Amino acid sequence: MDIGTHLKRYMEREGVSEKDVMETLGLDVVRFGELESGALSLGVSDLLKLATLLKTDLPALLYGKEYRERKAIKTAVADRVLVRHHRTLDYESLAPSYVGRRMEPFLVTIYRRDDADVEVSRHDGEEFLFVTKGTLKIVVNGDTHVLEEGDSFYFDSSLPHSVNSVTEKVELISSIYKGESMVHQTRGRRMKAIIEAAKLLTSRNIVVISPDKTTLSAINLAIEEEIIDKAYLVGKKAWIDARCEGELSFPASYEYVEVAAEGDIFEQEAAKAGVAIVRKGLAHMIMKGKVNSNAYLKAILNRKEGIGTGRRLSLVGIFEVPGVDRLLMLTDPGINPELFVGDDVASGVDIVRNAIDVAKSLGVARPKVALLDANEVPTASIPTTVFERNLSEMTWDDADVEGPLSYDLALYEEFVKTKGITDNPVAGKADILVVPYIATGNILYKSWAFTMGAEVANVVLGASAPIIMTSRSDSDIVKFLTICASALYSSWLENEKR
């Protein structure tokens, strides 16, 4: 992945030095030279770090065009991206570098096979086919059409359809119009970067416990954007098919995991079966469907058969808040009633550590953590302020942790200057806000999301894989962004283990 030709332009624009880039990415002079020359390729996490440093987006680094720029991109033969599928279908993307495209143009070769082996698919949008060689049979909503060389065909791809070659093979041009991609539907530049970064990963697998329409709808969006490769649907197939009727759009990407248990133990056994899939390394993240939260979390935290790491589980909300020029992470607005258990300062470490890890997975090289409270002066009348000061004074090798800090001093540099604070590395620059109580976090979360219209993704940390627990009130975009952030975190975890 060659970004050297675009790097200098954005460094000059933002006044970023070579030293700044080297420190952010951990490069020496030789490796920086390789980056400039195109000899060094960056991983997704480093791309996000660089995009954050340069205040730009991933397409700017990869292709020299930002989201807001109008684009006209040529794709040479050598630039096509070839994908093979089960040895029966080859297709080449004809516009792989046009970011956020609404159309997907492909050069497709389909090989003849038995009709019984042909998969039926359906997806949102419309599709156009033009046959350049051979004879194609396409079945749409039960009606069969035969296309000869030179014939074209336009259809609603949300209808069930299948294709097969009548001749030994058929070659065609296919253009799929999907309408607005999730990149277009996402307003914030940094949330768009999360989507694009997730799309750069090797496709991830997800397991969902007792899926319903809302969870499957979000997973379908991730499959369509080529972020999720396979979804393990755990439960009873008959129930899932009935419950998710109208959403089973990608049958080739689903694998049913049948749970035989009945009655009161069904949810517990379904959760255990899903966790087992993660333990085997078959899925990179686990998602709660129509299942009780206690049964779900009990299976995850089971000491012998779960995926717990010994850390406290905590929820991190990832926000793009209007008026703030960086992603903000908020913890914990949804799981832990309080930061400090039994007035034990050390009990807050896990929640802070989880948030630091997710920030790093999203490209924040050295996260700045603000421990929020009523004011920045510790006082015995507000015990949490004393605990927060003690927590901030612990050793944090890969982050700056400061507290207590009030909300305004954590986020806005103008208030920091007014107060005359000059020696606090976090004040006015916080990436992570840690609240002392769940009520505080929940109010802040809802104020940002509902009153300010901030876009958000939520990840539950503390296990060996990201845990997804979305709410029924969450929109499709929130659930989709949560899957994207979880995919990035799962990839970061894998790299950390190497």
Protein backbone atom coordinates (compact mmCIF):
# COMPACT_ATOMS: atom_id res chain seq x y z
CA MET A 1 0.00 0.00 0.00
CA ASP A 2 1.86 3.07 -1.27
CA ILE A 3 1.09 6.28 0.60
CA GLY A 4 4.46 7.98 0.10
CA THR A 5 3.27 10.07 -2.85
CA HIS A 6 0.45 11.58 -0.76
CA LEU A 7 2.15 11.87 2.63
CA LYS A 8 4.19 15.02 2.01
CA ARG A 9 1.18 16.98 0.78
CA TYR A 10 -0.79 16.49 3.99
CA MET A 11 2.28 16.96 6.22
CA GLU A 12 2.84 20.36 4.63
CA ARG A 13 -0.83 21.31 4.91
CA GLU A 14 -0.96 20.58 8.65
CA GLY A 15 2.58 21.67 9.52
CA VAL A 16 3.51 18.16 10.66
CA SER A 17 7.23 17.35 10.75
CA GLU A 18 9.06 14.17 9.85
CA LYS A 19 9.89 13.81 13.54
CA ASP A 20 6.17 13.95 14.43
CA VAL A 21 5.40 11.15 11.96
CA MET A 22 8.33 9.03 13.15
CA GLU A 23 7.29 9.39 16.81
CA THR A 24 3.65 8.60 16.06
CA LEU A 25 4.47 5.46 14.06
CA GLY A 26 7.59 4.41 15.99
CA LEU A 27 9.84 4.68 12.91
CA ASP A 28 13.52 5.50 12.61
CA VAL A 29 14.96 7.63 9.79
CA VAL A 30 15.57 4.63 7.54
CA ARG A 31 12.03 3.29 7.93
CA PHE A 32 10.57 6.77 7.39
CA GLY A 33 12.51 6.95 4.13
CA GLU A 34 10.98 3.62 3.12
CA LEU A 35 7.53 5.01 3.93
CA GLU A 36 8.14 8.06 1.74
CA SER A 37 9.45 5.94 -1.13
CA GLY A 38 6.53 3.52 -1.01
CA ALA A 39 8.68 0.57 0.07
CA LEU A 40 7.01 0.39 3.50
CA SER A 41 3.34 -0.58 3.79
CA LEU A 42 1.39 0.37 6.91
CA GLY A 43 -1.14 -1.72 8.78
CA VAL A 44 -4.65 -0.47 9.48
CA SER A 45 -3.88 0.74 13.01
CA ASP A 46 -0.89 2.77 11.79
CA LEU A 47 -2.96 4.24 8.95
CA LEU A 48 -5.50 5.43 11.50
CA LYS A 49 -2.72 6.94 13.64
CA LEU A 50 -1.38 8.81 10.63
CA ALA A 51 -4.82 10.02 9.54
CA THR A 52 -5.43 11.31 13.08
CA LEU A 53 -2.07 13.10 13.16
CA LEU A 54 -2.61 14.70 9.74
CA LYS A 55 -6.27 15.56 10.42
CA THR A 56 -7.39 13.81 7.26
CA ASP A 57 -9.02 10.54 6.24
CA LEU A 58 -7.82 7.21 4.92
CA PRO A 59 -8.64 7.85 1.24
CA ALA A 60 -6.35 10.89 1.37
CA LEU A 61 -3.44 8.68 2.44
CA LEU A 62 -4.27 5.76 0.18
CA TYR A 63 -5.45 7.50 -2.99
CA GLY A 64 -4.69 11.21 -2.57
CA LYS A 65 -8.37 12.20 -2.42
CA GLU A 66 -10.33 13.20 0.66
CA TYR A 67 -14.03 12.42 1.09
CA ARG A 68 -15.03 15.98 0.34
CA GLU A 69 -13.07 16.09 -2.92
CA ARG A 70 -14.77 15.23 -6.20
CA LYS A 71 -12.96 12.34 -7.82
CA ALA A 72 -12.25 10.97 -11.27
CA ILE A 73 -10.15 7.82 -11.06
CA LYS A 74 -8.69 5.66 -13.79
CA THR A 75 -8.24 1.94 -13.06
CA ALA A 76 -5.51 0.29 -15.12
CA VAL A 77 -5.62 -3.43 -15.81
CA ALA A 78 -2.92 -4.02 -13.20
CA ASP A 79 -4.96 -2.11 -10.59
CA ARG A 80 -8.02 -4.35 -10.74
CA VAL A 81 -8.70 -6.40 -7.63
CA LEU A 82 -9.33 -10.09 -8.37
CA VAL A 83 -11.58 -12.10 -6.09
CA ARG A 84 -12.25 -15.82 -6.49
CA HIS A 85 -15.35 -17.52 -5.10
CA HIS A 86 -15.58 -21.31 -4.70
CA ARG A 87 -13.78 -21.84 -8.04
CA THR A 88 -17.08 -21.26 -9.84
CA LEU A 89 -17.01 -17.51 -10.21
CA ASP A 90 -14.20 -15.00 -10.70
CA TYR A 91 -14.73 -11.29 -10.55
CA GLU A 92 -12.46 -8.26 -10.77
CA SER A 93 -13.37 -4.95 -9.22
CA LEU A 94 -13.03 -2.28 -11.91
CA ALA A 95 -13.00 0.72 -9.53
CA PRO A 96 -11.38 -0.47 -6.28
CA SER A 97 -9.85 2.90 -5.40
CA TYR A 98 -12.97 5.05 -5.73
CA VAL A 99 -13.91 5.49 -2.10
CA GLY A 100 -17.56 5.41 -1.08
CA ARG A 101 -18.73 4.46 -4.57
CA ARG A 102 -22.44 3.92 -5.09
CA MET A 103 -21.88 1.53 -8.00
CA GLU A 104 -19.79 -1.66 -7.96
CA PRO A 105 -18.53 -2.43 -11.49
CA PHE A 106 -17.08 -5.92 -11.99
CA LEU A 107 -15.59 -8.01 -14.78
CA VAL A 108 -17.08 -11.44 -14.10
CA THR A 109 -16.35 -14.98 -15.29
CA ILE A 110 -18.91 -17.65 -14.37
CA TYR A 111 -18.14 -21.35 -14.83
CA ARG A 112 -20.82 -23.94 -15.59
CA ARG A 113 -21.94 -26.15 -12.72
CA ASP A 114 -24.91 -28.29 -11.76
CA ASP A 115 -28.05 -26.24 -11.16
CA ALA A 116 -28.42 -27.94 -7.79
CA ASP A 117 -25.12 -26.39 -6.70
CA VAL A 118 -26.02 -22.84 -7.70
CA GLU A 119 -26.50 -20.45 -4.77
CA VAL A 120 -29.46 -18.11 -4.59
CA SER A 121 -28.68 -14.60 -3.39
CA ARG A 122 -30.41 -11.29 -2.85
CA HIS A 123 -29.15 -7.86 -1.80
CA ASP A 124 -30.40 -4.31 -1.76
CA GLY A 125 -30.02 -2.28 -4.92
CA GLU A 126 -30.21 -2.88 -8.66
CA GLU A 127 -27.90 -4.78 -11.01
CA PHE A 128 -26.97 -4.49 -14.67
CA LEU A 129 -25.34 -7.30 -16.71
CA PHE A 130 -23.80 -7.21 -20.19
CA VAL A 131 -22.63 -10.55 -21.65
CA THR A 132 -19.37 -10.31 -23.62
CA LYS A 133 -18.73 -14.04 -24.23
CA GLY A 134 -20.75 -17.26 -23.84
CA THR A 135 -24.34 -17.90 -22.73
CA LEU A 136 -25.74 -17.05 -19.29
CA LYS A 137 -28.80 -18.41 -17.49
CA ILE A 138 -30.18 -16.13 -14.79
CA VAL A 139 -33.18 -16.94 -12.60
CA VAL A 140 -34.87 -13.97 -10.92
CA ASN A 141 -37.76 -14.52 -8.53
CA GLY A 142 -38.43 -17.91 -10.16
CA ASP A 143 -38.37 -16.70 -13.78
CA THR A 144 -35.59 -18.02 -16.05
CA HIS A 145 -33.84 -15.81 -18.62
CA VAL A 146 -31.14 -16.88 -21.12
CA LEU A 147 -28.68 -14.21 -22.26
CA GLU A 148 -26.48 -14.57 -25.34
CA GLU A 149 -23.34 -12.64 -26.22
CA GLY A 150 -24.24 -8.96 -26.60
CA ASP A 151 -27.42 -9.22 -24.49
CA SER A 152 -27.91 -7.02 -21.44
CA PHE A 153 -30.12 -7.45 -18.38
CA TYR A 154 -31.29 -5.06 -15.64
CA PHE A 155 -33.08 -6.23 -12.49
CA ASP A 156 -33.98 -5.51 -8.88
CA SER A 157 -31.29 -7.40 -6.94
CA SER A 158 -33.39 -7.51 -3.76
CA LEU A 159 -35.32 -10.30 -5.52
CA PRO A 160 -33.91 -13.84 -5.09
CA HIS A 161 -31.65 -14.59 -8.05
CA SER A 162 -29.05 -17.06 -9.26
CA VAL A 163 -26.69 -17.26 -12.23
CA ASN A 164 -25.13 -20.17 -14.12
CA SER A 165 -23.24 -20.58 -17.35
CA VAL A 166 -24.89 -22.55 -20.16
CA THR A 167 -21.60 -22.76 -22.05
CA GLU A 168 -18.40 -23.92 -20.37
CA LYS A 169 -17.99 -20.40 -19.05
CA VAL A 170 -19.49 -16.98 -19.59
CA GLU A 171 -17.84 -13.58 -19.32
CA LEU A 172 -19.77 -10.43 -18.55
CA ILE A 173 -19.66 -6.90 -17.19
CA SER A 174 -21.72 -6.44 -14.03
CA SER A 175 -22.55 -3.16 -12.35
CA ILE A 176 -24.33 -3.24 -9.00
CA TYR A 177 -25.98 -0.04 -7.84
CA LYS A 178 -26.28 -0.05 -4.07
CA GLY A 179 -27.54 3.46 -3.50
CA GLU A 180 -25.72 5.28 -0.73
CA SER A 181 -23.02 3.26 0.98
CA MET A 182 -22.63 3.41 4.75
CA VAL A 183 -19.72 5.80 4.19
CA HIS A 184 -22.16 8.29 2.65
CA GLN A 185 -24.75 7.76 5.36
CA THR A 186 -22.18 8.50 8.07
CA ARG A 187 -21.77 12.22 8.64
CA GLY A 188 -18.50 12.52 10.52
CA ARG A 189 -15.10 12.25 8.89
CA ARG A 190 -13.62 10.19 11.71
CA MET A 191 -16.50 7.72 11.70
CA LYS A 192 -16.07 7.40 7.95
CA ALA A 193 -12.42 6.56 8.65
CA ILE A 194 -13.51 3.76 11.01
CA ILE A 195 -15.64 2.26 8.21
CA GLU A 196 -12.89 2.54 5.61
CA ALA A 197 -10.32 1.08 8.01
CA ALA A 198 -12.61 -1.87 8.76
CA LYS A 199 -13.02 -2.45 5.01
CA LEU A 200 -9.22 -2.74 4.70
CA LEU A 201 -9.08 -5.65 7.14
CA THR A 202 -9.09 -9.26 6.13
CA SER A 203 -12.80 -10.07 6.37
CA ARG A 204 -13.94 -10.80 9.90
CA ASN A 205 -16.35 -13.45 11.16
CA ILE A 206 -19.04 -12.78 13.75
CA VAL A 207 -21.20 -15.01 15.93
CA VAL A 208 -24.63 -13.80 16.99
CA ILE A 209 -26.62 -15.46 19.76
CA SER A 210 -30.29 -16.01 18.83
CA PRO A 211 -30.43 -13.39 16.07
CA ASP A 212 -33.48 -11.27 15.39
CA LYS A 213 -34.26 -8.81 12.60
CA THR A 214 -32.46 -5.87 14.19
CA THR A 215 -29.17 -7.69 14.75
CA LEU A 216 -29.25 -9.44 11.37
CA SER A 217 -29.99 -6.16 9.60
CA ALA A 218 -26.79 -4.66 11.03
CA ILE A 219 -24.79 -7.76 10.15
CA ASN A 220 -26.16 -7.64 6.59
CA LEU A 221 -24.88 -4.08 6.20
CA ALA A 222 -21.42 -5.25 7.30
CA ILE A 223 -21.56 -8.21 4.88
CA GLU A 224 -22.60 -5.90 2.04
CA GLU A 225 -19.69 -3.56 2.83
CA GLU A 226 -17.35 -6.62 2.85
CA ILE A 227 -16.41 -6.17 6.52
CA ILE A 228 -18.06 -9.40 7.69
CA ASP A 229 -17.30 -12.57 5.74
CA LYS A 230 -19.29 -15.13 7.73
CA ALA A 231 -21.98 -14.85 10.39
CA TYR A 232 -22.64 -17.81 12.69
CA LEU A 233 -26.34 -17.76 13.58
CA VAL A 234 -26.75 -19.60 16.89
CA GLY A 235 -30.13 -20.88 18.02
CA LYS A 236 -32.90 -22.85 16.36
CA LYS A 237 -32.93 -22.53 12.59
CA ALA A 238 -36.72 -22.64 12.36
CA TRP A 239 -37.01 -19.82 14.90
CA ILE A 240 -34.33 -17.74 13.22
CA ASP A 241 -35.88 -18.12 9.75
CA ALA A 242 -39.32 -17.13 11.06
CA ARG A 243 -38.03 -14.28 13.21
CA CYS A 244 -35.71 -12.88 10.53
CA GLU A 245 -37.99 -13.30 7.53
CA GLY A 246 -37.12 -10.64 4.96
CA GLU A 247 -33.60 -10.14 6.34
CA LEU A 248 -31.97 -13.42 5.27
CA SER A 249 -30.35 -11.70 2.29
CA PHE A 250 -26.94 -13.40 2.21
CA PRO A 251 -27.47 -17.15 2.65
CA ALA A 252 -23.94 -17.96 1.45
CA SER A 253 -22.54 -15.88 4.34
CA TYR A 254 -24.62 -17.51 7.10
CA GLU A 255 -23.83 -20.68 8.99
CA TYR A 256 -26.53 -21.99 11.31
CA VAL A 257 -25.49 -23.46 14.65
CA GLU A 258 -28.42 -25.51 15.93
CA VAL A 259 -29.03 -25.58 19.68
CA ALA A 260 -31.03 -28.60 20.85
CA ALA A 261 -31.89 -27.32 24.34
CA GLU A 262 -35.43 -26.25 25.16
CA GLY A 263 -37.16 -24.14 27.76
CA ASP A 264 -35.36 -22.25 30.50
CA ILE A 265 -31.90 -23.53 29.58
CA PHE A 266 -32.10 -22.66 25.88
CA GLU A 267 -30.59 -19.16 26.17
CA GLN A 268 -27.79 -20.38 28.41
CA GLU A 269 -26.91 -23.21 26.00
CA ALA A 270 -27.12 -20.91 22.98
CA ALA A 271 -24.73 -18.45 24.60
CA LYS A 272 -22.33 -21.27 25.50
CA ALA A 273 -22.39 -22.54 21.90
CA GLY A 274 -21.58 -19.06 20.58
CA VAL A 275 -18.73 -18.57 23.03
CA ALA A 276 -17.30 -21.96 21.99
CA ILE A 277 -17.10 -20.74 18.40
CA VAL A 278 -15.03 -17.75 19.51
CA ARG A 279 -12.80 -19.96 21.66
CA LYS A 280 -12.06 -22.12 18.60
CA GLY A 281 -10.89 -19.03 16.70
CA LEU A 282 -13.68 -19.27 14.12
CA ALA A 283 -15.23 -15.88 14.94
CA HIS A 284 -13.56 -12.58 15.80
CA MET A 285 -16.43 -10.98 17.74
CA ILE A 286 -19.63 -12.01 19.50
CA MET A 287 -22.99 -10.23 19.31
CA LYS A 288 -26.06 -10.42 21.50
CA GLY A 289 -29.34 -11.08 19.70
CA LYS A 290 -32.67 -11.93 21.31
CA VAL A 291 -31.19 -13.43 24.44
CA ASN A 292 -31.11 -12.43 28.09
CA SER A 293 -28.09 -10.29 28.96
CA ASN A 294 -27.34 -12.30 32.10
CA ALA A 295 -27.24 -15.60 30.19
CA TYR A 296 -25.09 -13.97 27.50
CA LEU A 297 -22.54 -12.50 29.91
CA LYS A 298 -22.50 -15.57 32.16
CA ALA A 299 -21.34 -17.72 29.25
CA ILE A 300 -18.71 -15.15 28.27
CA LEU A 301 -17.31 -14.94 31.81
CA ASN A 302 -17.45 -18.66 32.62
CA ARG A 303 -14.07 -19.45 34.18
CA LYS A 304 -13.56 -22.76 32.38
CA GLU A 305 -15.39 -22.31 29.09
CA GLY A 306 -15.68 -18.55 28.66
CA ILE A 307 -13.55 -15.88 26.98
CA GLY A 308 -12.92 -13.63 29.97
CA THR A 309 -9.40 -12.34 30.62
CA GLY A 310 -9.73 -11.52 34.30
CA ARG A 311 -10.38 -7.85 33.62
CA ARG A 312 -13.63 -6.13 34.48
CA LEU A 313 -15.91 -5.85 31.48
CA SER A 314 -16.68 -2.27 30.56
CA LEU A 315 -18.55 -0.44 27.84
CA VAL A 316 -16.74 2.17 25.76
CA GLY A 317 -18.84 4.54 23.70
CA ILE A 318 -16.95 5.97 20.71
CA PHE A 319 -18.32 9.36 19.63
CA GLU A 320 -17.79 11.98 16.99
CA VAL A 321 -19.11 15.00 18.86
CA PRO A 322 -19.88 18.21 16.92
CA GLY A 323 -17.34 20.91 17.73
CA VAL A 324 -14.62 18.50 18.89
CA ASP A 325 -11.86 17.77 16.38
CA ARG A 326 -11.18 14.18 17.44
CA LEU A 327 -12.98 11.00 18.38
CA LEU A 328 -14.08 10.89 22.00
CA MET A 329 -14.37 7.72 24.05
CA LEU A 330 -16.71 7.60 27.05
CA THR A 331 -16.59 4.93 29.73
CA ASP A 332 -18.47 3.42 31.45
CA PRO A 333 -22.02 4.51 30.56
CA GLY A 334 -23.64 1.09 30.53
CA ILE A 335 -22.21 -1.79 32.59
CA ASN A 336 -20.37 -0.85 35.80
CA PRO A 337 -22.36 1.10 38.41
CA GLU A 338 -19.20 2.84 39.63
CA LEU A 339 -15.56 3.27 38.69
CA PHE A 340 -14.23 2.34 42.11
CA VAL A 341 -15.57 -0.81 43.78
CA GLY A 342 -15.57 -0.59 47.55
CA ASP A 343 -13.42 2.55 47.47
CA ASP A 344 -10.58 0.51 45.99
CA VAL A 345 -8.54 2.74 43.68
CA ALA A 346 -6.99 -0.23 41.87
CA SER A 347 -10.45 -1.43 40.85
CA GLY A 348 -10.64 1.45 38.37
CA VAL A 349 -7.55 0.34 36.46
CA ASP A 350 -9.34 -2.19 34.24
CA ILE A 351 -11.92 0.32 33.02
CA VAL A 352 -9.21 2.83 32.13
CA ARG A 353 -7.06 0.12 30.54
CA ASN A 354 -9.93 -1.13 28.37
CA ALA A 355 -10.57 2.38 27.08
CA ILE A 356 -6.89 2.97 26.33
CA ASP A 357 -6.77 -0.25 24.32
CA VAL A 358 -9.79 0.59 22.19
CA ALA A 359 -8.42 4.11 21.57
CA LYS A 360 -5.13 2.63 20.37
CA SER A 361 -7.00 0.24 18.08
CA LEU A 362 -8.62 3.31 16.48
CA GLY A 363 -5.29 5.00 15.78
CA VAL A 364 -4.71 7.15 18.88
CA ALA A 365 -0.97 6.72 19.40
CA ARG A 366 -0.86 7.89 23.03
CA PRO A 367 -4.37 8.33 24.44
CA LYS A 368 -5.09 11.21 26.79
CA VAL A 369 -7.44 10.10 29.57
CA ALA A 370 -9.49 12.50 31.71
CA LEU A 371 -10.99 11.16 34.95
CA LEU A 372 -14.14 13.29 35.16
CA ASP A 373 -15.58 14.78 38.30
CA ALA A 374 -17.15 17.96 39.61
CA ASN A 375 -13.89 19.93 39.62
CA GLU A 376 -10.14 19.54 39.24
CA VAL A 377 -9.27 19.91 42.92
CA PRO A 378 -9.37 16.72 45.04
CA THR A 379 -11.42 17.13 48.19
CA ALA A 380 -12.40 14.74 50.96
CA SER A 381 -16.03 15.86 50.66
CA ILE A 382 -16.11 14.24 47.20
CA PRO A 383 -14.19 10.98 47.77
CA THR A 384 -14.09 10.05 44.07
CA THR A 385 -11.91 13.10 43.37
CA VAL A 386 -9.29 11.76 45.78
CA PHE A 387 -9.47 8.27 44.27
CA GLU A 388 -9.12 9.73 40.78
CA ARG A 389 -6.00 11.67 41.73
CA ASN A 390 -4.49 8.47 43.16
CA LEU A 391 -5.46 6.55 40.01
CA SER A 392 -3.85 9.16 37.76
CA GLU A 393 -0.62 8.97 39.77
CA MET A 394 -0.20 5.27 38.99
CA THR A 395 2.27 4.30 36.26
CA TRP A 396 0.77 4.53 32.78
CA ASP A 397 3.43 3.76 30.18
CA ASP A 398 1.34 4.19 27.03
CA ALA A 399 -1.13 6.92 27.96
CA ASP A 400 -1.48 10.21 29.84
CA VAL A 401 -4.01 9.84 32.66
CA GLU A 402 -5.10 12.90 34.63
CA GLY A 403 -7.80 13.50 37.18
CA PRO A 404 -9.93 14.75 38.55
CA LEU A 405 -10.90 17.08 35.70
CA SER A 406 -14.18 18.84 35.11
CA TYR A 407 -15.94 18.32 31.78
CA ASP A 408 -15.04 21.73 30.37
CA LEU A 409 -11.38 21.44 31.32
CA ALA A 410 -11.14 17.97 29.84
CA LEU A 411 -12.37 18.98 26.39
CA TYR A 412 -11.92 22.67 25.65
CA GLU A 413 -8.54 24.39 25.54
CA GLU A 414 -10.05 27.90 25.83
CA PHE A 415 -11.29 27.09 29.35
CA VAL A 416 -7.93 25.57 30.25
CA LYS A 417 -6.21 28.82 29.24
CA THR A 418 -8.74 30.87 31.20
CA LYS A 419 -7.97 28.80 34.31
CA GLY A 420 -4.25 29.26 33.75
CA ILE A 421 -3.50 25.54 33.66
CA THR A 422 -0.22 25.01 31.83
CA ASP A 423 1.30 21.73 33.05
CA ASN A 424 -1.49 19.23 32.42
CA PRO A 425 -0.99 17.11 29.25
CA VAL A 426 -4.65 16.03 29.15
CA ALA A 427 -6.53 19.25 29.96
CA GLY A 428 -8.37 20.47 26.87
CA LYS A 429 -7.11 17.54 24.80
CA ALA A 430 -8.76 14.44 26.26
CA ASP A 431 -9.46 11.48 23.98
CA ILE A 432 -11.10 9.42 26.74
CA LEU A 433 -13.54 10.56 29.42
CA VAL A 434 -13.89 8.24 32.43
CA VAL A 435 -16.91 8.87 34.63
CA PRO A 436 -17.13 7.96 38.34
CA TYR A 437 -20.68 6.58 38.15
CA ILE A 438 -22.84 4.91 35.50
CA ALA A 439 -25.56 7.55 35.93
CA THR A 440 -23.10 10.29 34.93
CA GLY A 441 -21.96 8.35 31.91
CA ASN A 442 -25.47 7.44 30.82
CA ILE A 443 -26.67 11.04 30.98
CA LEU A 444 -23.62 12.25 29.08
CA TYR A 445 -24.02 9.46 26.50
CA LYS A 446 -27.66 10.32 25.82
CA SER A 447 -26.95 14.06 25.75
CA TRP A 448 -24.34 13.57 23.04
CA ALA A 449 -26.29 10.98 21.05
CA PHE A 450 -29.82 12.35 21.25
CA THR A 451 -29.50 16.08 21.93
CA MET A 452 -26.32 16.81 19.97
CA GLY A 453 -26.86 14.15 17.30
CA ALA A 454 -23.38 12.70 17.74
CA GLU A 455 -22.62 9.46 15.91
CA VAL A 456 -21.61 6.60 18.17
CA ALA A 457 -20.29 3.05 18.23
CA ASN A 458 -20.23 0.88 21.36
CA VAL A 459 -17.80 -1.88 22.26
CA VAL A 460 -17.69 -3.99 25.42
CA LEU A 461 -14.09 -4.72 26.40
CA GLY A 462 -12.38 -7.04 28.84
CA ALA A 463 -12.70 -10.39 27.04
CA SER A 464 -10.45 -12.07 24.49
CA ALA A 465 -12.79 -10.82 21.73
CA PRO A 466 -14.98 -7.71 21.48
CA ILE A 467 -18.50 -8.10 22.85
CA ILE A 468 -21.40 -6.40 21.08
CA MET A 469 -24.47 -5.50 23.13
CA THR A 470 -26.57 -3.05 21.17
CA SER A 471 -29.90 -1.68 22.35
CA ARG A 472 -33.21 -2.07 20.53
CA SER A 473 -33.32 1.75 20.38
CA ASP A 474 -29.99 1.91 18.56
CA SER A 475 -30.24 2.84 14.88
CA ASP A 476 -28.86 0.71 12.07
CA ILE A 477 -25.93 3.10 11.72
CA VAL A 478 -25.03 2.74 15.42
CA LYS A 479 -25.10 -1.04 15.17
CA PHE A 480 -23.13 -0.99 11.94
CA LEU A 481 -20.48 1.37 13.35
CA THR A 482 -20.28 -0.86 16.42
CA ILE A 483 -19.46 -3.85 14.21
CA CYS A 484 -16.81 -1.78 12.39
CA ALA A 485 -15.17 -0.65 15.63
CA SER A 486 -15.31 -4.21 16.99
CA ALA A 487 -13.66 -5.51 13.82
CA LEU A 488 -10.80 -3.03 14.25
CA TYR A 489 -10.40 -3.86 17.92
CA SER A 490 -10.36 -7.60 17.20
CA SER A 491 -7.62 -7.08 14.62
CA TRP A 492 -5.61 -4.97 17.08
CA LEU A 493 -5.94 -7.70 19.72
CA GLU A 494 -4.58 -10.28 17.28
CA ASN A 495 -1.59 -8.09 16.48
CA GLU A 496 -0.90 -7.50 20.19
CA LYS A 497 -0.77 -11.26 20.81
CA ARG A 498 1.90 -11.81 18.13
